[in-house]
Amino acid sequence: MTTLRDYIVKKKKRNRLWILGSLLIFSLTAYGVNFDLFRIVSGLPDMFDLVLRMLSPELSYISEALPRLLETIEMALVSTTLGVLLGISAALLTARNTTPHVMIPRILGPLLTFFRTIPNLIWAAILVTIFSVGKFPGMIALTITAVLITVKLLREYIETLNKNLLYGVESVGGSKIQVLRFAVLPAIFEHSLSVYFIVLEINIRSATILGLVGAGGIGQILWRDLNHLRYDNLATLIILLFLTILMIDFISFFVRRNLGKFYIPRTSIASFKRQQQRKWAGVIILVTAGTLWLSFSLDITSDRLLLGLSSGREIIVRMAQLELTYIPRLIEGLLESVYIALFATLTGGVGAVILSYFTAYNTSPSPILSMILKAFVNLLRTFPPIIVAIIFFRGVGPGPLAGAMALGIYTLGVMTKLYSEVIESAGSKIQQSIMTTGSTKLNSYRYGILPQTFPNFISLVLYRLESNIRTSTILGIIGAGGIGTLLSTNITWRNWERVGLLIVGIALLMIIIEKTSEKIRKDLI
């Protein structure tokens, strides 16, 4: 029988192992990213100077930047709408309880998983070489992203539907099409709308950086202003992006929170028929308007499209011919990306544990401090790591250190937001029970809330690690280390055999990380 003393000793040993393991990983990854505290400190004046210059926006630049911003929003909206519609179809095909044939999920499932591991910036860079510079490659890259995310989120939901719902339609002689129409589609309607806004948020953020590789939107002039050292213009663009993302977040939150209020109860057969007629009329209008909008949005001629498809076929054939002699460089690049991701996840995660105490409203020493930090955390997670990496370039120069520091700051913002919400939702009762003994808020956090919510924290860290691995693979496109540097170089020089090998390597790394993370999360439950 385990005594209280044995439990305490075992817990202390486990905590020591966590600390020692974290220190070991930090030391290894710090070496891998060439961490140098003196280099960072000596570069702070240059970084602060750059930030100060960025705090003086050129407001007259808005007139030039606004069309590009609208183009970015248009790219995100069109690609999200098209991608979610295609994703719903793919999810129905690959879900085990709605698929027409049992072999379809077995074939399409691994294929979609493979494609999902490829970051959209890499898709955009390849598509730009096929279809030339413009928003068309960006829209295709974002559509691919939207399809893959929709399939992942929706397929799992479809597979959890009540079996009686499906059998009920089948039992009265309904065909598979009728099961989909009268059972599945109504059941997943609200969840699909929620998925739509989740994907829209992701695509808005992604669309802002696709211009770095020439795929349209505000990212193109952002990259131009960075190269020309026009930090006043850059400050204007950052303000516009911040306000746009804030607006999209608010609309998304409002719609998802009020989805149930849009439901109109049916009181009779006549009202049901009228509702169905209005619904189908609305669908026809939306599809027609969407088709016209899509045709006007595409900035590509039929000749250029056909030429691109022809060259794209040649590129795919060459990418399939993997240059295996390039494997040593592949491993070197992957290791650097892993070092960047692990360093960022560890430093951001540890920082989030500390910052979340001051950010969560139920543990923060002051409500005002909590509000200020919530705004600060939202600011940290608004700007893509690629943009932050450019600021670190000024202080520490290009390389993995700039990428690791930028990704670490972004991770700090995301992890603090997520973990502070966990504390706010799960920590009140624990805190009250400890504070009734005369303990302080800090002690209630340290000895009560933190141990109780630690499995949730580890789960969030693992999810963030998966995302950071994916992000670290593209940081090298702007010179911030990792395998992205090799990808960017080989795409520029059209070494498609090496590009194919690099993409396969990234995909295998992501699959290994995802499977390992999934196993650890299951063990925590």
Protein backbone atom coordinates (compact mmCIF):
# COMPACT_ATOMS: atom_id res chain seq x y z
CA MET A 1 0.00 0.00 0.00
CA THR A 2 1.40 3.40 -1.01
CA THR A 3 1.69 5.84 1.89
CA LEU A 4 1.49 9.63 1.64
CA ARG A 5 5.22 9.83 2.28
CA ASP A 6 5.94 7.42 -0.61
CA TYR A 7 3.64 9.45 -2.89
CA ILE A 8 5.43 12.72 -2.01
CA VAL A 9 8.88 11.14 -2.56
CA LYS A 10 7.77 9.68 -5.90
CA LYS A 11 6.35 13.04 -6.97
CA LYS A 12 9.57 14.88 -6.05
CA LYS A 13 11.60 12.37 -8.07
CA ARG A 14 9.32 12.86 -11.07
CA ASN A 15 9.63 16.64 -10.79
CA ARG A 16 13.42 16.36 -10.67
CA LEU A 17 13.35 14.18 -13.79
CA TRP A 18 11.22 16.78 -15.59
CA ILE A 19 13.64 19.54 -14.60
CA LEU A 20 16.74 17.53 -15.56
CA GLY A 21 15.15 16.48 -18.86
CA SER A 22 14.19 20.05 -19.67
CA LEU A 23 17.70 21.31 -18.88
CA LEU A 24 19.21 18.59 -21.06
CA ILE A 25 16.93 19.43 -23.98
CA PHE A 26 17.60 23.15 -23.54
CA SER A 27 21.38 22.60 -23.52
CA LEU A 28 21.23 20.38 -26.62
CA THR A 29 18.92 22.68 -28.58
CA ALA A 30 20.76 25.83 -27.46
CA TYR A 31 23.92 24.33 -28.93
CA GLY A 32 22.03 23.35 -32.08
CA VAL A 33 20.76 26.90 -32.71
CA ASN A 34 24.09 28.53 -31.77
CA PHE A 35 22.59 30.24 -28.73
CA ASP A 36 24.79 33.07 -27.51
CA LEU A 37 23.44 35.31 -24.74
CA PHE A 38 26.20 37.90 -25.26
CA ARG A 39 25.34 38.08 -28.95
CA ILE A 40 21.67 38.66 -28.16
CA VAL A 41 22.37 41.30 -25.49
CA SER A 42 24.84 43.16 -27.71
CA GLY A 43 22.26 43.13 -30.52
CA LEU A 44 19.44 44.56 -28.37
CA PRO A 45 20.20 48.23 -29.18
CA ASP A 46 19.93 47.55 -32.91
CA MET A 47 16.70 45.59 -32.43
CA PHE A 48 15.19 48.31 -30.24
CA ASP A 49 16.23 50.91 -32.79
CA LEU A 50 14.42 48.94 -35.48
CA VAL A 51 11.30 48.56 -33.31
CA LEU A 52 11.33 52.31 -32.54
CA ARG A 53 11.56 53.10 -36.24
CA MET A 54 8.62 50.78 -36.81
CA LEU A 55 6.59 52.73 -34.22
CA SER A 56 6.40 55.71 -36.58
CA PRO A 57 3.90 54.60 -39.22
CA GLU A 58 3.49 56.44 -42.50
CA LEU A 59 -0.29 56.85 -42.49
CA SER A 60 -0.37 58.23 -46.04
CA TYR A 61 0.83 54.76 -47.11
CA ILE A 62 -2.60 53.31 -46.23
CA SER A 63 -4.01 54.35 -49.62
CA GLU A 64 -1.40 52.19 -51.37
CA ALA A 65 -1.53 49.31 -48.87
CA LEU A 66 -5.33 49.03 -48.66
CA PRO A 67 -5.83 47.41 -52.11
CA ARG A 68 -3.18 44.81 -51.21
CA LEU A 69 -4.88 44.19 -47.87
CA LEU A 70 -8.24 43.71 -49.62
CA GLU A 71 -6.50 41.32 -52.03
CA THR A 72 -5.22 39.35 -49.03
CA ILE A 73 -8.70 39.16 -47.51
CA GLU A 74 -10.16 38.17 -50.89
CA MET A 75 -7.58 35.39 -51.26
CA ALA A 76 -8.42 34.07 -47.80
CA LEU A 77 -12.20 34.23 -48.30
CA VAL A 78 -12.24 32.62 -51.76
CA SER A 79 -9.78 29.86 -50.84
CA THR A 80 -11.51 29.15 -47.51
CA THR A 81 -14.96 28.89 -49.14
CA LEU A 82 -13.73 26.66 -51.95
CA GLY A 83 -11.48 24.62 -49.67
CA VAL A 84 -14.13 23.97 -47.00
CA LEU A 85 -16.67 22.86 -49.63
CA LEU A 86 -14.13 20.45 -51.15
CA GLY A 87 -13.03 19.42 -47.66
CA ILE A 88 -16.58 18.49 -46.64
CA SER A 89 -16.82 16.20 -49.68
CA ALA A 90 -13.42 14.65 -48.91
CA ALA A 91 -14.36 14.19 -45.24
CA LEU A 92 -17.54 12.34 -46.23
CA LEU A 93 -15.50 10.14 -48.57
CA THR A 94 -12.87 9.27 -45.96
CA ALA A 95 -15.02 8.94 -42.80
CA ARG A 96 -15.49 5.26 -41.98
CA ASN A 97 -19.27 5.53 -41.48
CA THR A 98 -20.07 7.52 -44.66
CA THR A 99 -17.51 6.31 -47.21
CA PRO A 100 -18.91 4.58 -50.34
CA HIS A 101 -16.19 1.92 -50.12
CA VAL A 102 -13.98 0.70 -47.29
CA MET A 103 -10.82 1.06 -49.42
CA ILE A 104 -11.25 4.82 -49.98
CA PRO A 105 -10.24 5.87 -46.42
CA ARG A 106 -7.30 3.45 -46.52
CA ILE A 107 -5.97 5.04 -49.71
CA LEU A 108 -6.93 8.70 -49.27
CA GLY A 109 -6.28 8.86 -45.51
CA PRO A 110 -2.47 8.43 -45.61
CA LEU A 111 -2.26 10.57 -48.76
CA LEU A 112 -4.08 13.49 -47.10
CA THR A 113 -1.94 13.06 -43.97
CA PHE A 114 1.18 13.31 -46.12
CA PHE A 115 -0.02 16.48 -47.87
CA ARG A 116 -1.07 18.04 -44.54
CA THR A 117 2.52 17.94 -43.31
CA ILE A 118 3.67 20.31 -46.08
CA PRO A 119 3.47 23.99 -44.98
CA ASN A 120 1.41 26.29 -47.21
CA LEU A 121 4.38 28.59 -47.84
CA ILE A 122 6.16 25.67 -49.52
CA TRP A 123 3.04 24.97 -51.59
CA ALA A 124 2.99 28.65 -52.58
CA ALA A 125 6.71 28.74 -53.47
CA ILE A 126 6.32 25.72 -55.78
CA LEU A 127 3.10 27.04 -57.33
CA VAL A 128 4.70 30.43 -58.03
CA THR A 129 7.39 28.71 -60.09
CA ILE A 130 4.62 26.92 -62.02
CA PHE A 131 2.07 29.70 -62.55
CA SER A 132 4.27 32.81 -62.08
CA VAL A 133 3.94 35.61 -59.52
CA GLY A 134 0.43 36.67 -58.49
CA LYS A 135 -2.46 35.85 -56.20
CA PHE A 136 -3.52 32.72 -58.14
CA PRO A 137 -0.71 30.52 -56.70
CA GLY A 138 -1.49 31.92 -53.25
CA MET A 139 -5.18 31.08 -53.58
CA ILE A 140 -4.39 27.52 -54.68
CA ALA A 141 -1.95 27.07 -51.76
CA LEU A 142 -4.54 28.38 -49.26
CA THR A 143 -7.25 26.20 -50.82
CA ILE A 144 -5.06 23.11 -50.34
CA THR A 145 -4.56 24.14 -46.70
CA ALA A 146 -8.30 24.69 -46.23
CA VAL A 147 -9.17 21.28 -47.69
CA LEU A 148 -6.67 19.42 -45.51
CA ILE A 149 -7.65 21.18 -42.26
CA THR A 150 -11.37 20.73 -42.99
CA VAL A 151 -10.91 17.01 -43.64
CA LYS A 152 -8.98 16.56 -40.39
CA LEU A 153 -11.49 18.46 -38.23
CA LEU A 154 -14.67 17.25 -39.91
CA ARG A 155 -13.83 13.59 -40.51
CA GLU A 156 -13.32 12.96 -36.80
CA TYR A 157 -16.64 14.66 -36.05
CA ILE A 158 -18.54 12.66 -38.70
CA GLU A 159 -17.17 9.39 -37.32
CA THR A 160 -18.59 10.26 -33.87
CA LEU A 161 -22.17 10.73 -35.18
CA ASN A 162 -24.81 8.57 -33.55
CA LYS A 163 -25.19 5.35 -35.56
CA ASN A 164 -28.95 5.35 -34.96
CA LEU A 165 -29.15 8.64 -36.89
CA LEU A 166 -27.78 6.95 -40.00
CA TYR A 167 -29.60 3.64 -39.54
CA GLY A 168 -32.89 5.48 -39.07
CA VAL A 169 -32.87 6.74 -42.66
CA GLU A 170 -31.56 3.43 -44.02
CA SER A 171 -34.25 1.44 -42.18
CA VAL A 172 -37.02 3.15 -44.17
CA GLY A 173 -35.32 2.33 -47.48
CA GLY A 174 -33.15 5.45 -47.81
CA SER A 175 -30.19 5.32 -50.20
CA LYS A 176 -26.68 6.46 -49.28
CA ILE A 177 -27.37 9.83 -50.93
CA GLN A 178 -30.54 10.25 -48.88
CA VAL A 179 -28.66 9.30 -45.70
CA LEU A 180 -26.18 12.07 -46.45
CA ARG A 181 -28.89 14.59 -47.33
CA PHE A 182 -31.36 13.96 -44.50
CA ALA A 183 -29.10 12.69 -41.71
CA VAL A 184 -25.40 13.52 -42.06
CA LEU A 185 -25.43 16.99 -43.66
CA PRO A 186 -28.00 18.51 -41.22
CA ALA A 187 -26.07 16.97 -38.30
CA ILE A 188 -22.73 18.49 -39.35
CA PHE A 189 -24.07 21.87 -40.56
CA GLU A 190 -23.28 23.91 -37.43
CA HIS A 191 -19.93 22.20 -36.93
CA SER A 192 -19.04 22.91 -40.58
CA LEU A 193 -19.74 26.62 -40.06
CA SER A 194 -17.50 26.57 -37.01
CA VAL A 195 -14.77 24.83 -39.05
CA TYR A 196 -15.20 27.46 -41.79
CA PHE A 197 -14.32 30.30 -39.43
CA ILE A 198 -11.43 28.38 -37.88
CA VAL A 199 -9.98 27.84 -41.37
CA LEU A 200 -10.67 31.48 -42.30
CA GLU A 201 -8.66 32.67 -39.29
CA ILE A 202 -5.76 30.40 -40.30
CA ASN A 203 -5.90 31.49 -43.95
CA ILE A 204 -6.01 35.20 -43.10
CA ARG A 205 -2.82 34.83 -41.10
CA SER A 206 -1.21 32.63 -43.76
CA ALA A 207 -2.21 34.93 -46.64
CA THR A 208 -0.25 37.79 -45.09
CA ILE A 209 3.06 35.97 -45.54
CA LEU A 210 2.54 34.14 -48.84
CA GLY A 211 3.58 37.32 -50.64
CA LEU A 212 7.11 36.69 -49.36
CA VAL A 213 7.45 34.14 -52.16
CA GLY A 214 5.47 36.22 -54.68
CA ALA A 215 2.05 34.63 -54.09
CA GLY A 216 0.05 37.88 -53.96
CA GLY A 217 -1.46 39.90 -51.16
CA ILE A 218 0.00 42.36 -48.71
CA GLY A 219 3.03 40.14 -48.14
CA GLN A 220 4.55 41.23 -51.45
CA ILE A 221 4.77 44.92 -50.53
CA LEU A 222 5.72 43.94 -46.97
CA TRP A 223 8.74 42.05 -48.30
CA ARG A 224 9.57 44.93 -50.67
CA ASP A 225 9.49 47.49 -47.84
CA LEU A 226 11.70 45.28 -45.69
CA ASN A 227 14.29 44.98 -48.46
CA HIS A 228 14.19 48.76 -49.00
CA LEU A 229 14.41 49.42 -45.23
CA ARG A 230 11.11 51.39 -45.28
CA TYR A 231 10.22 50.69 -41.68
CA ASP A 232 7.65 53.51 -41.57
CA ASN A 233 5.72 51.74 -44.32
CA LEU A 234 6.23 48.42 -42.56
CA ALA A 235 4.72 49.85 -39.37
CA THR A 236 1.62 50.87 -41.33
CA LEU A 237 1.28 47.37 -42.77
CA ILE A 238 1.63 45.77 -39.32
CA ILE A 239 -1.11 48.04 -37.90
CA LEU A 240 -3.43 47.13 -40.79
CA LEU A 241 -2.72 43.42 -40.33
CA PHE A 242 -3.28 43.62 -36.58
CA LEU A 243 -6.65 45.35 -37.00
CA THR A 244 -7.71 42.92 -39.74
CA ILE A 245 -6.85 39.81 -37.71
CA LEU A 246 -8.57 41.35 -34.67
CA MET A 247 -11.72 41.98 -36.73
CA ILE A 248 -11.73 38.44 -38.17
CA ASP A 249 -11.22 36.96 -34.69
CA PHE A 250 -14.17 39.00 -33.37
CA ILE A 251 -16.52 38.02 -36.24
CA SER A 252 -15.47 34.38 -35.93
CA PHE A 253 -16.05 34.39 -32.16
CA PHE A 254 -19.45 36.09 -32.54
CA VAL A 255 -20.72 33.70 -35.23
CA ARG A 256 -19.51 30.54 -33.48
CA ARG A 257 -21.01 31.68 -30.18
CA ASN A 258 -24.38 32.49 -31.73
CA LEU A 259 -24.73 29.59 -34.18
CA GLY A 260 -27.61 28.08 -32.24
CA LYS A 261 -29.58 31.35 -32.28
CA PHE A 262 -29.82 31.25 -36.08
CA TYR A 263 -31.92 28.07 -35.91
CA ILE A 264 -35.62 28.64 -36.67
CA PRO A 265 -37.92 26.04 -35.04
CA ARG A 266 -40.38 24.34 -37.39
CA THR A 267 -43.99 24.34 -36.20
CA SER A 268 -45.71 22.82 -39.25
CA ILE A 269 -45.11 21.04 -42.55
CA ALA A 270 -45.85 24.26 -44.45
CA SER A 271 -43.25 26.21 -42.46
CA PHE A 272 -40.77 23.36 -42.97
CA LYS A 273 -41.30 23.50 -46.75
CA ARG A 274 -40.90 27.28 -46.78
CA GLN A 275 -37.71 27.00 -44.76
CA GLN A 276 -36.36 24.35 -47.15
CA GLN A 277 -37.24 26.52 -50.16
CA ARG A 278 -35.51 29.53 -48.63
CA LYS A 279 -32.48 27.42 -47.77
CA TRP A 280 -32.09 26.03 -51.29
CA ALA A 281 -32.69 29.46 -52.83
CA GLY A 282 -29.98 30.83 -50.59
CA VAL A 283 -27.62 28.02 -51.57
CA ILE A 284 -28.23 28.67 -55.31
CA ILE A 285 -27.65 32.42 -54.86
CA LEU A 286 -24.48 31.85 -52.84
CA VAL A 287 -23.07 29.29 -55.32
CA THR A 288 -23.84 31.59 -58.28
CA ALA A 289 -22.34 34.63 -56.56
CA GLY A 290 -19.33 32.59 -55.44
CA THR A 291 -18.72 31.28 -58.97
CA LEU A 292 -18.84 34.81 -60.42
CA TRP A 293 -16.59 36.11 -57.63
CA LEU A 294 -14.10 33.31 -58.22
CA SER A 295 -13.99 33.95 -61.99
CA PHE A 296 -13.25 37.65 -61.43
CA SER A 297 -10.72 36.92 -58.65
CA LEU A 298 -8.43 34.68 -60.69
CA ASP A 299 -5.62 36.77 -62.17
CA ILE A 300 -4.52 34.19 -64.74
CA THR A 301 -5.29 33.65 -68.41
CA SER A 302 -6.34 30.30 -69.86
CA ASP A 303 -3.08 30.12 -71.87
CA ARG A 304 -0.99 30.74 -68.75
CA LEU A 305 -3.03 28.15 -66.83
CA LEU A 306 -2.49 25.48 -69.49
CA LEU A 307 1.22 26.29 -69.70
CA GLY A 308 1.47 26.08 -65.92
CA LEU A 309 -0.32 22.73 -65.80
CA SER A 310 2.07 21.38 -68.43
CA SER A 311 5.17 22.56 -66.57
CA GLY A 312 3.63 21.41 -63.28
CA ARG A 313 3.32 17.88 -64.64
CA GLU A 314 7.03 17.90 -65.56
CA ILE A 315 7.94 19.22 -62.10
CA ILE A 316 5.93 16.49 -60.35
CA VAL A 317 7.65 13.81 -62.45
CA ARG A 318 11.06 15.24 -61.54
CA MET A 319 10.15 15.57 -57.85
CA ALA A 320 9.22 11.88 -57.81
CA GLN A 321 12.80 11.04 -58.89
CA LEU A 322 14.33 11.60 -55.44
CA GLU A 323 18.03 12.48 -55.35
CA LEU A 324 19.08 10.09 -52.59
CA THR A 325 22.68 11.35 -52.55
CA TYR A 326 21.27 14.53 -50.96
CA ILE A 327 20.13 12.65 -47.82
CA PRO A 328 23.05 13.87 -45.61
CA ARG A 329 22.07 17.50 -46.28
CA LEU A 330 18.43 16.58 -45.67
CA ILE A 331 19.25 15.15 -42.24
CA GLU A 332 21.38 18.19 -41.40
CA GLY A 333 18.54 20.56 -42.33
CA LEU A 334 15.91 18.54 -40.46
CA LEU A 335 18.04 18.44 -37.32
CA GLU A 336 18.44 22.22 -37.40
CA SER A 337 14.66 22.63 -37.80
CA VAL A 338 14.07 20.26 -34.87
CA TYR A 339 16.55 22.21 -32.72
CA ILE A 340 14.76 25.47 -33.55
CA ALA A 341 11.32 23.99 -32.76
CA LEU A 342 12.40 22.31 -29.51
CA PHE A 343 14.25 25.41 -28.29
CA ALA A 344 11.25 27.64 -29.06
CA THR A 345 8.75 25.23 -27.50
CA LEU A 346 10.78 24.76 -24.32
CA THR A 347 11.60 28.44 -23.74
CA GLY A 348 8.10 29.58 -24.73
CA GLY A 349 6.48 26.88 -22.60
CA VAL A 350 8.51 27.66 -19.47
CA GLY A 351 7.86 31.37 -19.97
CA ALA A 352 4.14 30.66 -20.36
CA VAL A 353 3.99 28.85 -16.99
CA ILE A 354 5.31 32.01 -15.32
CA LEU A 355 3.42 34.58 -17.42
CA SER A 356 0.11 32.69 -17.18
CA TYR A 357 0.09 33.26 -13.40
CA PHE A 358 -0.01 37.02 -13.98
CA THR A 359 -2.33 36.78 -17.02
CA ALA A 360 -5.18 34.57 -15.74
CA TYR A 361 -7.76 36.77 -14.00
CA ASN A 362 -8.22 34.37 -11.05
CA THR A 363 -4.50 34.21 -10.17
CA SER A 364 -3.20 37.62 -11.30
CA PRO A 365 -2.27 40.01 -8.46
CA SER A 366 -4.32 42.74 -10.19
CA PRO A 367 -7.27 42.76 -12.65
CA ILE A 368 -5.64 45.67 -14.50
CA LEU A 369 -2.37 43.72 -14.84
CA SER A 370 -4.36 40.75 -16.18
CA MET A 371 -6.03 42.94 -18.85
CA ILE A 372 -2.73 44.54 -19.87
CA LEU A 373 -1.00 41.17 -20.19
CA LYS A 374 -3.91 39.66 -22.15
CA ALA A 375 -3.56 42.50 -24.68
CA PHE A 376 0.23 42.02 -24.73
CA VAL A 377 -0.11 38.26 -25.28
CA ASN A 378 -2.56 38.83 -28.15
CA LEU A 379 -0.05 41.23 -29.68
CA LEU A 380 2.73 38.61 -29.46
CA ARG A 381 0.67 36.00 -31.29
CA THR A 382 -0.64 38.39 -33.95
CA PHE A 383 2.60 38.69 -35.90
CA PRO A 384 3.88 35.62 -37.76
CA PRO A 385 7.27 34.30 -36.55
CA ILE A 386 8.74 35.16 -39.97
CA ILE A 387 8.13 38.88 -39.33
CA VAL A 388 9.62 38.69 -35.81
CA ALA A 389 12.63 36.79 -37.19
CA ILE A 390 13.39 39.78 -39.42
CA ILE A 391 13.68 41.97 -36.30
CA PHE A 392 16.14 39.50 -34.78
CA PHE A 393 18.16 39.58 -38.00
CA ARG A 394 19.03 43.16 -37.11
CA GLY A 395 20.54 42.11 -33.77
CA VAL A 396 21.97 38.61 -34.23
CA GLY A 397 22.12 38.27 -38.02
CA PRO A 398 20.55 35.55 -40.21
CA GLY A 399 20.65 31.95 -39.05
CA PRO A 400 18.92 29.49 -36.70
CA LEU A 401 19.29 31.73 -33.62
CA ALA A 402 17.07 34.42 -35.15
CA GLY A 403 14.49 31.82 -36.12
CA ALA A 404 14.56 30.13 -32.71
CA MET A 405 14.15 33.41 -30.80
CA ALA A 406 11.31 34.57 -33.06
CA LEU A 407 9.48 31.26 -32.79
CA GLY A 408 10.06 31.24 -29.02
CA ILE A 409 8.39 34.64 -28.62
CA TYR A 410 5.43 33.56 -30.75
CA THR A 411 5.15 30.33 -28.73
CA LEU A 412 5.19 32.36 -25.50
CA GLY A 413 2.20 34.36 -26.74
CA VAL A 414 0.18 31.36 -27.92
CA MET A 415 0.98 29.15 -24.91
CA THR A 416 0.24 31.90 -22.39
CA LYS A 417 -3.15 32.57 -23.98
CA LEU A 418 -4.11 28.89 -24.04
CA TYR A 419 -2.74 27.95 -20.61
CA SER A 420 -4.17 31.04 -18.87
CA GLU A 421 -7.60 30.00 -20.22
CA VAL A 422 -7.07 26.51 -18.75
CA ILE A 423 -6.21 28.09 -15.39
CA GLU A 424 -9.29 30.34 -15.53
CA SER A 425 -11.64 27.45 -16.32
CA ALA A 426 -10.16 24.75 -14.08
CA GLY A 427 -8.38 26.59 -11.30
CA SER A 428 -11.09 28.45 -9.34
CA LYS A 429 -12.22 25.61 -7.05
CA ILE A 430 -8.66 24.41 -6.43
CA GLN A 431 -7.55 27.94 -5.63
CA GLN A 432 -10.43 28.60 -3.23
CA SER A 433 -9.87 25.34 -1.34
CA ILE A 434 -6.18 26.16 -0.80
CA MET A 435 -6.67 29.85 0.01
CA THR A 436 -9.21 29.00 2.76
CA THR A 437 -6.22 27.68 4.72
CA GLY A 438 -4.67 31.17 4.66
CA SER A 439 -2.35 30.51 1.70
CA THR A 440 -1.46 33.15 -0.90
CA LYS A 441 -2.44 33.19 -4.58
CA LEU A 442 1.12 32.31 -5.53
CA ASN A 443 1.18 29.23 -3.27
CA SER A 444 -2.27 28.15 -4.53
CA TYR A 445 -0.91 28.36 -8.07
CA ARG A 446 2.34 26.58 -7.26
CA TYR A 447 0.99 23.75 -5.09
CA GLY A 448 -2.60 23.46 -6.36
CA ILE A 449 -3.44 24.77 -9.83
CA LEU A 450 -0.12 23.97 -11.54
CA PRO A 451 0.06 20.29 -10.48
CA GLN A 452 -3.65 19.80 -11.27
CA THR A 453 -3.46 21.36 -14.75
CA PHE A 454 0.02 20.09 -15.63
CA PRO A 455 -1.28 17.27 -17.92
CA ASN A 456 -3.25 19.93 -19.85
CA PHE A 457 -0.11 22.04 -20.08
CA ILE A 458 1.94 19.13 -21.45
CA SER A 459 -0.79 18.42 -23.99
CA LEU A 460 -0.70 22.06 -25.13
CA VAL A 461 3.11 21.91 -25.33
CA LEU A 462 2.94 18.84 -27.56
CA TYR A 463 0.40 20.45 -29.88
CA ARG A 464 2.57 23.55 -30.03
CA LEU A 465 5.65 21.44 -30.77
CA GLU A 466 3.89 19.91 -33.79
CA SER A 467 3.05 23.39 -35.07
CA ASN A 468 6.55 24.71 -34.34
CA ILE A 469 8.15 21.85 -36.27
CA ARG A 470 6.01 22.80 -39.26
CA THR A 471 6.84 26.52 -38.89
CA SER A 472 10.55 25.90 -38.39
CA THR A 473 10.70 24.16 -41.75
CA ILE A 474 9.72 27.39 -43.53
CA LEU A 475 11.72 29.93 -41.51
CA GLY A 476 14.76 29.14 -43.62
CA ILE A 477 13.00 30.58 -46.67
CA ILE A 478 13.92 34.04 -45.34
CA GLY A 479 17.30 32.89 -43.97
CA ALA A 480 16.26 31.99 -40.41
CA GLY A 481 17.79 28.51 -40.41
CA GLY A 482 16.36 25.03 -40.78
CA ILE A 483 15.53 22.94 -43.78
CA GLY A 484 13.65 25.86 -45.32
CA THR A 485 16.98 27.33 -46.43
CA LEU A 486 17.72 24.21 -48.47
CA LEU A 487 14.18 24.21 -49.85
CA SER A 488 14.34 27.86 -50.88
CA THR A 489 17.72 27.41 -52.57
CA ASN A 490 16.69 24.29 -54.49
CA ILE A 491 13.34 25.76 -55.57
CA THR A 492 15.15 28.86 -56.85
CA TRP A 493 17.63 26.71 -58.81
CA ARG A 494 14.87 24.32 -59.99
CA ASN A 495 16.55 21.27 -58.43
CA TRP A 496 13.22 19.45 -58.25
CA GLU A 497 14.72 16.03 -57.48
CA ARG A 498 16.18 17.51 -54.29
CA VAL A 499 12.97 19.44 -53.53
CA GLY A 500 11.03 16.16 -53.72
CA LEU A 501 13.45 14.52 -51.27
CA LEU A 502 13.25 17.48 -48.88
CA ILE A 503 9.43 17.44 -48.91
CA VAL A 504 9.37 13.69 -48.23
CA GLY A 505 11.81 14.24 -45.36
CA ILE A 506 9.65 17.01 -43.87
CA ALA A 507 6.54 14.84 -44.20
CA LEU A 508 8.17 11.84 -42.48
CA LEU A 509 9.45 14.07 -39.66
CA MET A 510 5.98 15.57 -39.14
CA ILE A 511 4.30 12.14 -39.11
CA ILE A 512 6.81 10.83 -36.53
CA ILE A 513 6.31 13.92 -34.33
CA GLU A 514 2.50 13.69 -34.60
CA LYS A 515 2.40 9.96 -33.76
CA THR A 516 4.81 10.38 -30.83
CA SER A 517 2.85 13.37 -29.53
CA GLU A 518 -0.43 11.48 -29.86
CA LYS A 519 0.94 8.52 -27.87
CA ILE A 520 2.22 10.78 -25.08
CA ARG A 521 -1.13 12.60 -24.88
CA LYS A 522 -2.97 9.26 -24.59
CA ASP A 523 -0.65 8.21 -21.76
CA LEU A 524 -1.45 11.47 -19.93
CA ILE A 525 -5.21 10.85 -20.00
